[in-house]
Amino acid sequence: MAEGHVVHAYGVAPAVVLDVPEHKVVPPTGIAGTPVRLLALGELAVVVGDLPEEGFGEAAWREHAEDPDWLEPVARGHHEVLQAVAAATDVLPLRLPGIYRDDAELQGLLGGQEEPLTRRLQFVAGHDEWGVHVHLVEDTAEEAPEATSGRDYLMQRKAQVAGRDAAREERQRLLTEAYAGLAQVSTDSVLNRPQDRALSGREDPMLLNSAHLVAKEAQQQFFARADEVSRGLLEPAGMVMEISGPWPPYNFAAPAADGNGAADDPGPTEGR
């Protein structure tokens, strides 16, 4: 690695990729057009890149990590590399920022995690991650008729509030049932906090944001269940489902997540 550079770690792959021509596993460039390469780590290989320290070292991250204009292209470059690697082999994404002084520091730190990383890589092998968003596009609670007196107005308002509470509870039940149905045909599932409108890019409120680790051979079953859930549970209640992917297994990469998933989560919560 050239002086004045830092090592950025994109993700972890099986060591067998070291025996494959590098251009068939990793794209030629990553963040800010910098070269991407493979680094041996025992039975694993780490997908890394050499970034200019001045622009991407620890000081730059401290200064810019909360700046979306700086962070967005970095995150996009990180993702594009992982997406390309995932098309060629199994990969365990590493979180941003993954900055190390040099190869030796990276090998020393990740080497101590080789066993749990290997187990987690084996767990996600042969799988893709699919994201599920559910939005409320139509509030099905009935509007009260126009009141003809103050007493009628108060009674109607009380009934309207009760009706909206009941509709919210029913949506909650349907969301929980929808998530459970998708989890049944997934190897693992997690719930994330619903995105706000600025992040989702939609005016319709997001009620569910989940990620599902699905075996490649089970994807047809997953999509059939998603269609069944969407048509049978969500659409009649004014909700729509969007599925995105396939993605590298971002939500299932951490070794600490072993054994955790749908069974340990209390379920989706509207507004959560």
C-alpha atoms as a PDB file:
ATOM      1  CA  MET A   1       0.000   0.000   0.000  1.00  0.00           C
ATOM      2  CA  ALA A   2       1.317   3.455  -0.895  1.00  0.00           C
ATOM      3  CA  GLU A   3       2.271   5.916   1.841  1.00  0.00           C
ATOM      4  CA  GLY A   4      -0.468   8.403   2.693  1.00  0.00           C
ATOM      5  CA  HIS A   5      -3.218   5.848   2.172  1.00  0.00           C
ATOM      6  CA  VAL A   6      -5.522   3.863   4.452  1.00  0.00           C
ATOM      7  CA  VAL A   7      -7.069   0.445   3.898  1.00  0.00           C
ATOM      8  CA  HIS A   8     -10.845   0.310   3.560  1.00  0.00           C
ATOM      9  CA  ALA A   9     -12.508  -3.071   4.221  1.00  0.00           C
ATOM     10  CA  TYR A  10     -15.623  -3.771   2.157  1.00  0.00           C
ATOM     11  CA  GLY A  11     -16.455  -7.316   3.187  1.00  0.00           C
ATOM     12  CA  VAL A  12     -15.337 -10.871   3.848  1.00  0.00           C
ATOM     13  CA  ALA A  13     -15.486 -13.731   1.334  1.00  0.00           C
ATOM     14  CA  PRO A  14     -14.394 -17.392   1.304  1.00  0.00           C
ATOM     15  CA  ALA A  15     -10.646 -17.864   0.854  1.00  0.00           C
ATOM     16  CA  VAL A  16     -11.292 -19.901  -2.304  1.00  0.00           C
ATOM     17  CA  VAL A  17     -11.805 -16.622  -4.179  1.00  0.00           C
ATOM     18  CA  LEU A  18      -8.060 -16.017  -3.840  1.00  0.00           C
ATOM     19  CA  ASP A  19      -7.568 -18.829  -6.346  1.00  0.00           C
ATOM     20  CA  VAL A  20      -9.913 -17.176  -8.860  1.00  0.00           C
ATOM     21  CA  PRO A  21      -8.732 -14.401 -11.191  1.00  0.00           C
ATOM     22  CA  GLU A  22      -9.319 -11.223  -9.187  1.00  0.00           C
ATOM     23  CA  HIS A  23     -11.252  -9.463 -11.939  1.00  0.00           C
ATOM     24  CA  LYS A  24     -13.891 -12.232 -11.755  1.00  0.00           C
ATOM     25  CA  VAL A  25     -14.567 -11.526  -8.069  1.00  0.00           C
ATOM     26  CA  VAL A  26     -14.025  -7.840  -7.414  1.00  0.00           C
ATOM     27  CA  PRO A  27     -14.716  -4.791  -9.585  1.00  0.00           C
ATOM     28  CA  PRO A  28     -11.611  -2.866 -10.654  1.00  0.00           C
ATOM     29  CA  THR A  29     -12.518   0.235  -8.648  1.00  0.00           C
ATOM     30  CA  GLY A  30     -14.593   1.198  -5.644  1.00  0.00           C
ATOM     31  CA  ILE A  31     -14.998   4.308  -3.493  1.00  0.00           C
ATOM     32  CA  ALA A  32     -13.850   7.446  -5.335  1.00  0.00           C
ATOM     33  CA  GLY A  33     -12.512   5.333  -8.195  1.00  0.00           C
ATOM     34  CA  THR A  34      -9.835   3.682  -6.028  1.00  0.00           C
ATOM     35  CA  PRO A  35      -8.575   0.134  -6.828  1.00  0.00           C
ATOM     36  CA  VAL A  36     -10.168  -2.900  -5.145  1.00  0.00           C
ATOM     37  CA  ARG A  37      -8.214  -6.033  -4.248  1.00  0.00           C
ATOM     38  CA  LEU A  38      -8.354  -9.220  -2.165  1.00  0.00           C
ATOM     39  CA  LEU A  39      -6.370  -9.725   1.048  1.00  0.00           C
ATOM     40  CA  ALA A  40      -5.763 -13.140   2.628  1.00  0.00           C
ATOM     41  CA  LEU A  41      -7.085 -13.687   6.161  1.00  0.00           C
ATOM     42  CA  GLY A  42      -6.535 -17.342   7.050  1.00  0.00           C
ATOM     43  CA  GLU A  43      -9.465 -19.301   5.643  1.00  0.00           C
ATOM     44  CA  LEU A  44     -11.075 -16.044   4.535  1.00  0.00           C
ATOM     45  CA  ALA A  45     -10.395 -13.264   2.061  1.00  0.00           C
ATOM     46  CA  VAL A  46     -11.126  -9.605   2.728  1.00  0.00           C
ATOM     47  CA  VAL A  47     -12.239  -7.315  -0.075  1.00  0.00           C
ATOM     48  CA  VAL A  48     -10.275  -4.096   0.461  1.00  0.00           C
ATOM     49  CA  GLY A  49      -9.341  -0.854  -1.226  1.00  0.00           C
ATOM     50  CA  ASP A  50      -6.580   1.707  -0.684  1.00  0.00           C
ATOM     51  CA  LEU A  51      -8.001   5.192  -0.098  1.00  0.00           C
ATOM     52  CA  PRO A  52      -6.147   8.506   0.268  1.00  0.00           C
ATOM     53  CA  GLU A  53      -5.755   9.176   3.981  1.00  0.00           C
ATOM     54  CA  GLU A  54      -6.328  12.899   3.530  1.00  0.00           C
ATOM     55  CA  GLY A  55      -9.814  12.370   2.122  1.00  0.00           C
ATOM     56  CA  PHE A  56     -10.924   9.170   3.862  1.00  0.00           C
ATOM     57  CA  GLY A  57      -8.829   8.629   6.985  1.00  0.00           C
ATOM     58  CA  GLU A  58     -10.064   8.843  10.576  1.00  0.00           C
ATOM     59  CA  ALA A  59      -9.887  12.645  10.614  1.00  0.00           C
ATOM     60  CA  ALA A  60     -12.038  12.864   7.475  1.00  0.00           C
ATOM     61  CA  TRP A  61     -14.620  10.529   8.995  1.00  0.00           C
ATOM     62  CA  ARG A  62     -14.768  12.558  12.198  1.00  0.00           C
ATOM     63  CA  GLU A  63     -15.330  15.700  10.167  1.00  0.00           C
ATOM     64  CA  HIS A  64     -17.776  14.421   7.549  1.00  0.00           C
ATOM     65  CA  ALA A  65     -19.580  11.362   8.958  1.00  0.00           C
ATOM     66  CA  GLU A  66     -22.745  13.413   9.589  1.00  0.00           C
ATOM     67  CA  ASP A  67     -22.604  15.163   6.198  1.00  0.00           C
ATOM     68  CA  PRO A  68     -24.958  13.361   3.766  1.00  0.00           C
ATOM     69  CA  ASP A  69     -23.361  15.012   0.729  1.00  0.00           C
ATOM     70  CA  TRP A  70     -20.014  13.459   1.675  1.00  0.00           C
ATOM     71  CA  LEU A  71     -21.346  10.188   3.042  1.00  0.00           C
ATOM     72  CA  GLU A  72     -23.759   9.298   0.206  1.00  0.00           C
ATOM     73  CA  PRO A  73     -21.130   8.692  -2.515  1.00  0.00           C
ATOM     74  CA  VAL A  74     -18.937   6.802  -0.026  1.00  0.00           C
ATOM     75  CA  ALA A  75     -21.816   4.533   0.979  1.00  0.00           C
ATOM     76  CA  ARG A  76     -22.816   4.091  -2.663  1.00  0.00           C
ATOM     77  CA  GLY A  77     -19.276   3.098  -3.661  1.00  0.00           C
ATOM     78  CA  HIS A  78     -19.090   0.687  -0.723  1.00  0.00           C
ATOM     79  CA  HIS A  79     -22.406  -0.881  -1.741  1.00  0.00           C
ATOM     80  CA  GLU A  80     -21.540  -1.157  -5.429  1.00  0.00           C
ATOM     81  CA  VAL A  81     -18.399  -3.136  -4.622  1.00  0.00           C
ATOM     82  CA  LEU A  82     -20.304  -5.489  -2.319  1.00  0.00           C
ATOM     83  CA  GLN A  83     -23.092  -5.915  -4.865  1.00  0.00           C
ATOM     84  CA  ALA A  84     -20.561  -6.890  -7.519  1.00  0.00           C
ATOM     85  CA  VAL A  85     -18.805  -9.346  -5.193  1.00  0.00           C
ATOM     86  CA  ALA A  86     -22.148 -10.850  -4.139  1.00  0.00           C
ATOM     87  CA  ALA A  87     -22.863 -11.619  -7.792  1.00  0.00           C
ATOM     88  CA  ALA A  88     -19.697 -13.739  -7.916  1.00  0.00           C
ATOM     89  CA  THR A  89     -19.511 -15.365  -4.474  1.00  0.00           C
ATOM     90  CA  ASP A  90     -20.850 -15.312  -0.930  1.00  0.00           C
ATOM     91  CA  VAL A  91     -19.869 -12.178   0.970  1.00  0.00           C
ATOM     92  CA  LEU A  92     -20.229 -10.853   4.482  1.00  0.00           C
ATOM     93  CA  PRO A  93     -20.554  -7.045   4.319  1.00  0.00           C
ATOM     94  CA  LEU A  94     -18.534  -4.985   6.796  1.00  0.00           C
ATOM     95  CA  ARG A  95     -19.894  -1.767   8.255  1.00  0.00           C
ATOM     96  CA  LEU A  96     -18.805   1.752   7.438  1.00  0.00           C
ATOM     97  CA  PRO A  97     -16.342   3.118   8.341  1.00  0.00           C
ATOM     98  CA  GLY A  98     -14.017   0.163   7.864  1.00  0.00           C
ATOM     99  CA  ILE A  99     -10.726   2.091   7.936  1.00  0.00           C
ATOM    100  CA  TYR A 100      -7.359   0.568   8.921  1.00  0.00           C
ATOM    101  CA  ARG A 101      -3.843   1.990   8.864  1.00  0.00           C
ATOM    102  CA  ASP A 102      -2.503  -0.865   6.746  1.00  0.00           C
ATOM    103  CA  ASP A 103      -2.991  -4.524   5.833  1.00  0.00           C
ATOM    104  CA  ALA A 104      -1.240  -5.703   8.990  1.00  0.00           C
ATOM    105  CA  GLU A 105      -3.634  -3.819  11.287  1.00  0.00           C
ATOM    106  CA  LEU A 106      -6.659  -5.178   9.434  1.00  0.00           C
ATOM    107  CA  GLN A 107      -5.324  -8.739   9.506  1.00  0.00           C
ATOM    108  CA  GLY A 108      -4.503  -8.430  13.206  1.00  0.00           C
ATOM    109  CA  LEU A 109      -7.930  -7.119  14.202  1.00  0.00           C
ATOM    110  CA  LEU A 110     -10.126  -9.256  11.945  1.00  0.00           C
ATOM    111  CA  GLY A 111      -7.890 -12.290  12.452  1.00  0.00           C
ATOM    112  CA  GLY A 112      -9.125 -12.481  16.029  1.00  0.00           C
ATOM    113  CA  GLN A 113     -12.680 -12.745  14.681  1.00  0.00           C
ATOM    114  CA  GLU A 114     -11.935 -15.330  12.022  1.00  0.00           C
ATOM    115  CA  GLU A 115     -13.924 -18.142  13.651  1.00  0.00           C
ATOM    116  CA  PRO A 116     -17.206 -16.198  14.182  1.00  0.00           C
ATOM    117  CA  LEU A 117     -16.819 -14.540  10.779  1.00  0.00           C
ATOM    118  CA  THR A 118     -16.397 -17.951   9.170  1.00  0.00           C
ATOM    119  CA  ARG A 119     -19.494 -19.287  10.931  1.00  0.00           C
ATOM    120  CA  ARG A 120     -21.551 -16.290   9.864  1.00  0.00           C
ATOM    121  CA  LEU A 121     -20.298 -16.512   6.285  1.00  0.00           C
ATOM    122  CA  GLN A 122     -21.359 -20.147   6.227  1.00  0.00           C
ATOM    123  CA  PHE A 123     -24.766 -19.125   7.601  1.00  0.00           C
ATOM    124  CA  VAL A 124     -25.452 -16.596   4.811  1.00  0.00           C
ATOM    125  CA  ALA A 125     -23.914 -18.734   2.056  1.00  0.00           C
ATOM    126  CA  GLY A 126     -26.342 -19.383  -0.790  1.00  0.00           C
ATOM    127  CA  HIS A 127     -28.700 -16.652   0.397  1.00  0.00           C
ATOM    128  CA  ASP A 128     -29.776 -13.168  -0.650  1.00  0.00           C
ATOM    129  CA  GLU A 129     -31.253 -10.403   1.435  1.00  0.00           C
ATOM    130  CA  TRP A 130     -34.622  -8.961   0.400  1.00  0.00           C
ATOM    131  CA  GLY A 131     -36.070  -5.792   1.875  1.00  0.00           C
ATOM    132  CA  VAL A 132     -39.788  -5.353   2.536  1.00  0.00           C
ATOM    133  CA  HIS A 133     -41.476  -1.976   3.018  1.00  0.00           C
ATOM    134  CA  VAL A 134     -45.170  -1.598   3.775  1.00  0.00           C
ATOM    135  CA  HIS A 135     -46.784   1.831   3.305  1.00  0.00           C
ATOM    136  CA  LEU A 136     -50.204   3.094   4.279  1.00  0.00           C
ATOM    137  CA  VAL A 137     -51.742   4.553   1.121  1.00  0.00           C
ATOM    138  CA  GLU A 138     -55.383   4.701   2.200  1.00  0.00           C
ATOM    139  CA  ASP A 139     -56.820   5.176   5.672  1.00  0.00           C
ATOM    140  CA  THR A 140     -59.820   2.840   5.692  1.00  0.00           C
ATOM    141  CA  ALA A 141     -61.329   4.327   8.873  1.00  0.00           C
ATOM    142  CA  GLU A 142     -64.746   5.781   8.035  1.00  0.00           C
ATOM    143  CA  GLU A 143     -65.334   9.522   8.308  1.00  0.00           C
ATOM    144  CA  ALA A 144     -68.227  10.619  10.521  1.00  0.00           C
ATOM    145  CA  PRO A 145     -71.177  12.367   8.857  1.00  0.00           C
ATOM    146  CA  GLU A 146     -71.568  16.110   9.373  1.00  0.00           C
ATOM    147  CA  ALA A 147     -72.873  16.881  12.883  1.00  0.00           C
ATOM    148  CA  THR A 148     -76.180  18.736  13.323  1.00  0.00           C
ATOM    149  CA  SER A 149     -75.614  19.746  16.953  1.00  0.00           C
ATOM    150  CA  GLY A 150     -72.879  20.155  19.518  1.00  0.00           C
ATOM    151  CA  ARG A 151     -73.896  16.908  21.214  1.00  0.00           C
ATOM    152  CA  ASP A 152     -73.847  15.057  17.903  1.00  0.00           C
ATOM    153  CA  TYR A 153     -70.418  16.511  17.150  1.00  0.00           C
ATOM    154  CA  LEU A 154     -68.958  15.277  20.452  1.00  0.00           C
ATOM    155  CA  MET A 155     -70.472  11.830  20.022  1.00  0.00           C
ATOM    156  CA  GLN A 156     -69.252  11.597  16.450  1.00  0.00           C
ATOM    157  CA  ARG A 157     -65.763  12.733  17.436  1.00  0.00           C
ATOM    158  CA  LYS A 158     -65.674  10.067  20.138  1.00  0.00           C
ATOM    159  CA  ALA A 159     -66.812   7.425  17.656  1.00  0.00           C
ATOM    160  CA  GLN A 160     -64.296   8.659  15.090  1.00  0.00           C
ATOM    161  CA  VAL A 161     -61.394   8.415  17.551  1.00  0.00           C
ATOM    162  CA  ALA A 162     -62.524   4.939  18.577  1.00  0.00           C
ATOM    163  CA  GLY A 163     -62.800   3.925  14.929  1.00  0.00           C
ATOM    164  CA  ARG A 164     -59.292   5.161  14.138  1.00  0.00           C
ATOM    165  CA  ASP A 165     -57.903   3.358  17.185  1.00  0.00           C
ATOM    166  CA  ALA A 166     -59.624   0.172  16.061  1.00  0.00           C
ATOM    167  CA  ALA A 167     -58.289   0.604  12.515  1.00  0.00           C
ATOM    168  CA  ARG A 168     -54.776   1.144  13.870  1.00  0.00           C
ATOM    169  CA  GLU A 169     -55.004  -1.971  16.016  1.00  0.00           C
ATOM    170  CA  GLU A 170     -56.270  -3.972  13.045  1.00  0.00           C
ATOM    171  CA  ARG A 171     -53.390  -2.708  10.872  1.00  0.00           C
ATOM    172  CA  GLN A 172     -51.000  -3.711  13.655  1.00  0.00           C
ATOM    173  CA  ARG A 173     -52.451  -7.207  13.705  1.00  0.00           C
ATOM    174  CA  LEU A 174     -52.186  -7.505   9.931  1.00  0.00           C
ATOM    175  CA  LEU A 175     -48.605  -6.212   9.897  1.00  0.00           C
ATOM    176  CA  THR A 176     -47.581  -8.719  12.552  1.00  0.00           C
ATOM    177  CA  GLU A 177     -49.266 -11.526  10.606  1.00  0.00           C
ATOM    178  CA  ALA A 178     -47.647 -10.376   7.342  1.00  0.00           C
ATOM    179  CA  TYR A 179     -44.174 -10.264   8.890  1.00  0.00           C
ATOM    180  CA  ALA A 180     -44.635 -13.686  10.481  1.00  0.00           C
ATOM    181  CA  GLY A 181     -45.782 -15.128   7.158  1.00  0.00           C
ATOM    182  CA  LEU A 182     -42.674 -13.872   5.370  1.00  0.00           C
ATOM    183  CA  ALA A 183     -40.423 -15.001   8.220  1.00  0.00           C
ATOM    184  CA  GLN A 184     -41.760 -18.547   7.839  1.00  0.00           C
ATOM    185  CA  VAL A 185     -40.267 -18.789   4.349  1.00  0.00           C
ATOM    186  CA  SER A 186     -37.017 -17.010   5.276  1.00  0.00           C
ATOM    187  CA  THR A 187     -33.920 -18.439   6.917  1.00  0.00           C
ATOM    188  CA  ASP A 188     -33.770 -15.356   9.129  1.00  0.00           C
ATOM    189  CA  SER A 189     -35.696 -12.091   9.389  1.00  0.00           C
ATOM    190  CA  VAL A 190     -35.175  -8.784  11.174  1.00  0.00           C
ATOM    191  CA  LEU A 191     -37.270  -5.684  11.800  1.00  0.00           C
ATOM    192  CA  ASN A 192     -35.769  -2.246  11.280  1.00  0.00           C
ATOM    193  CA  ARG A 193     -37.188   1.125  12.251  1.00  0.00           C
ATOM    194  CA  PRO A 194     -39.538   2.415   9.533  1.00  0.00           C
ATOM    195  CA  GLN A 195     -37.941   5.159   7.446  1.00  0.00           C
ATOM    196  CA  ASP A 196     -39.264   8.692   7.558  1.00  0.00           C
ATOM    197  CA  ARG A 197     -40.583  10.357   4.414  1.00  0.00           C
ATOM    198  CA  ALA A 198     -37.278  12.096   3.637  1.00  0.00           C
ATOM    199  CA  LEU A 199     -35.427   8.791   3.531  1.00  0.00           C
ATOM    200  CA  SER A 200     -38.106   6.646   1.899  1.00  0.00           C
ATOM    201  CA  GLY A 201     -38.858   9.243  -0.785  1.00  0.00           C
ATOM    202  CA  ARG A 202     -42.592   8.660  -0.356  1.00  0.00           C
ATOM    203  CA  GLU A 203     -45.310  10.786   1.198  1.00  0.00           C
ATOM    204  CA  ASP A 204     -47.176   7.668   2.341  1.00  0.00           C
ATOM    205  CA  PRO A 205     -46.088   6.707   5.880  1.00  0.00           C
ATOM    206  CA  MET A 206     -44.016   3.533   6.197  1.00  0.00           C
ATOM    207  CA  LEU A 207     -45.465   1.067   8.689  1.00  0.00           C
ATOM    208  CA  LEU A 208     -43.087  -1.869   8.227  1.00  0.00           C
ATOM    209  CA  ASN A 209     -39.409  -2.085   7.311  1.00  0.00           C
ATOM    210  CA  SER A 210     -38.086  -5.618   7.439  1.00  0.00           C
ATOM    211  CA  ALA A 211     -35.226  -7.593   5.929  1.00  0.00           C
ATOM    212  CA  HIS A 212     -35.319 -11.289   5.056  1.00  0.00           C
ATOM    213  CA  LEU A 213     -32.473 -13.706   4.449  1.00  0.00           C
ATOM    214  CA  VAL A 214     -33.775 -16.078   1.783  1.00  0.00           C
ATOM    215  CA  ALA A 215     -32.077 -19.121   0.319  1.00  0.00           C
ATOM    216  CA  LYS A 216     -31.697 -18.787  -3.436  1.00  0.00           C
ATOM    217  CA  GLU A 217     -33.692 -21.972  -3.996  1.00  0.00           C
ATOM    218  CA  ALA A 218     -36.508 -20.643  -1.788  1.00  0.00           C
ATOM    219  CA  GLN A 219     -36.952 -17.295  -3.507  1.00  0.00           C
ATOM    220  CA  GLN A 220     -39.924 -18.403  -5.600  1.00  0.00           C
ATOM    221  CA  GLN A 221     -41.655 -19.539  -2.411  1.00  0.00           C
ATOM    222  CA  PHE A 222     -40.793 -16.231  -0.717  1.00  0.00           C
ATOM    223  CA  PHE A 223     -42.295 -14.181  -3.538  1.00  0.00           C
ATOM    224  CA  ALA A 224     -45.392 -16.380  -3.662  1.00  0.00           C
ATOM    225  CA  ARG A 225     -45.906 -15.828   0.066  1.00  0.00           C
ATOM    226  CA  ALA A 226     -45.307 -12.086  -0.334  1.00  0.00           C
ATOM    227  CA  ASP A 227     -47.974 -11.925  -3.040  1.00  0.00           C
ATOM    228  CA  GLU A 228     -50.380 -13.904  -0.871  1.00  0.00           C
ATOM    229  CA  VAL A 229     -49.759 -11.650   2.134  1.00  0.00           C
ATOM    230  CA  SER A 230     -50.030  -8.467   0.096  1.00  0.00           C
ATOM    231  CA  ARG A 231     -53.280  -9.391  -1.649  1.00  0.00           C
ATOM    232  CA  GLY A 232     -54.933 -11.151   1.263  1.00  0.00           C
ATOM    233  CA  LEU A 233     -53.934  -9.022   4.256  1.00  0.00           C
ATOM    234  CA  LEU A 234     -52.499  -5.651   3.354  1.00  0.00           C
ATOM    235  CA  GLU A 235     -54.229  -4.283   0.261  1.00  0.00           C
ATOM    236  CA  PRO A 236     -57.783  -4.650   1.681  1.00  0.00           C
ATOM    237  CA  ALA A 237     -56.624  -2.527   4.646  1.00  0.00           C
ATOM    238  CA  GLY A 238     -55.174   0.247   2.472  1.00  0.00           C
ATOM    239  CA  MET A 239     -51.528  -0.872   2.669  1.00  0.00           C
ATOM    240  CA  VAL A 240     -49.081  -1.695  -0.114  1.00  0.00           C
ATOM    241  CA  MET A 241     -45.943  -3.823  -0.009  1.00  0.00           C
ATOM    242  CA  GLU A 242     -42.696  -3.052  -1.837  1.00  0.00           C
ATOM    243  CA  ILE A 243     -39.873  -5.593  -2.115  1.00  0.00           C
ATOM    244  CA  SER A 244     -36.306  -4.587  -2.961  1.00  0.00           C
ATOM    245  CA  GLY A 245     -33.212  -6.665  -3.662  1.00  0.00           C
ATOM    246  CA  PRO A 246     -31.467  -8.912  -3.946  1.00  0.00           C
ATOM    247  CA  TRP A 247     -28.896  -7.313  -1.645  1.00  0.00           C
ATOM    248  CA  PRO A 248     -25.746  -8.523   0.070  1.00  0.00           C
ATOM    249  CA  PRO A 249     -26.752  -9.716   3.563  1.00  0.00           C
ATOM    250  CA  TYR A 250     -26.220  -6.384   5.354  1.00  0.00           C
ATOM    251  CA  ASN A 251     -28.728  -7.106   8.109  1.00  0.00           C
ATOM    252  CA  PHE A 252     -27.363 -10.586   8.791  1.00  0.00           C
ATOM    253  CA  ALA A 253     -23.612 -10.001   8.715  1.00  0.00           C
ATOM    254  CA  ALA A 254     -22.790  -9.439  12.386  1.00  0.00           C
ATOM    255  CA  PRO A 255     -21.612 -12.632  14.143  1.00  0.00           C
ATOM    256  CA  ALA A 256     -23.426 -11.399  17.267  1.00  0.00           C
ATOM    257  CA  ALA A 257     -26.692 -11.786  15.376  1.00  0.00           C
ATOM    258  CA  ASP A 258     -26.407 -15.590  15.385  1.00  0.00           C
ATOM    259  CA  GLY A 259     -29.581 -17.043  16.808  1.00  0.00           C
ATOM    260  CA  ASN A 260     -31.396 -13.728  16.787  1.00  0.00           C
ATOM    261  CA  GLY A 261     -34.160 -12.913  14.399  1.00  0.00           C
ATOM    262  CA  ALA A 262     -37.878 -12.980  14.088  1.00  0.00           C
ATOM    263  CA  ALA A 263     -38.476 -15.141  17.116  1.00  0.00           C
ATOM    264  CA  ASP A 264     -36.745 -12.665  19.440  1.00  0.00           C
ATOM    265  CA  ASP A 265     -38.462  -9.539  18.108  1.00  0.00           C
ATOM    266  CA  PRO A 266     -41.788  -8.457  19.603  1.00  0.00           C
ATOM    267  CA  GLY A 267     -43.129  -7.726  16.124  1.00  0.00           C
ATOM    268  CA  PRO A 268     -43.713  -4.716  13.906  1.00  0.00           C
ATOM    269  CA  THR A 269     -45.051  -1.590  15.541  1.00  0.00           C
ATOM    270  CA  GLU A 270     -46.839   1.168  13.644  1.00  0.00           C
ATOM    271  CA  GLY A 271     -44.783   4.353  13.866  1.00  0.00           C
ATOM    272  CA  ARG A 272     -41.804   2.453  15.230  1.00  0.00           C
END
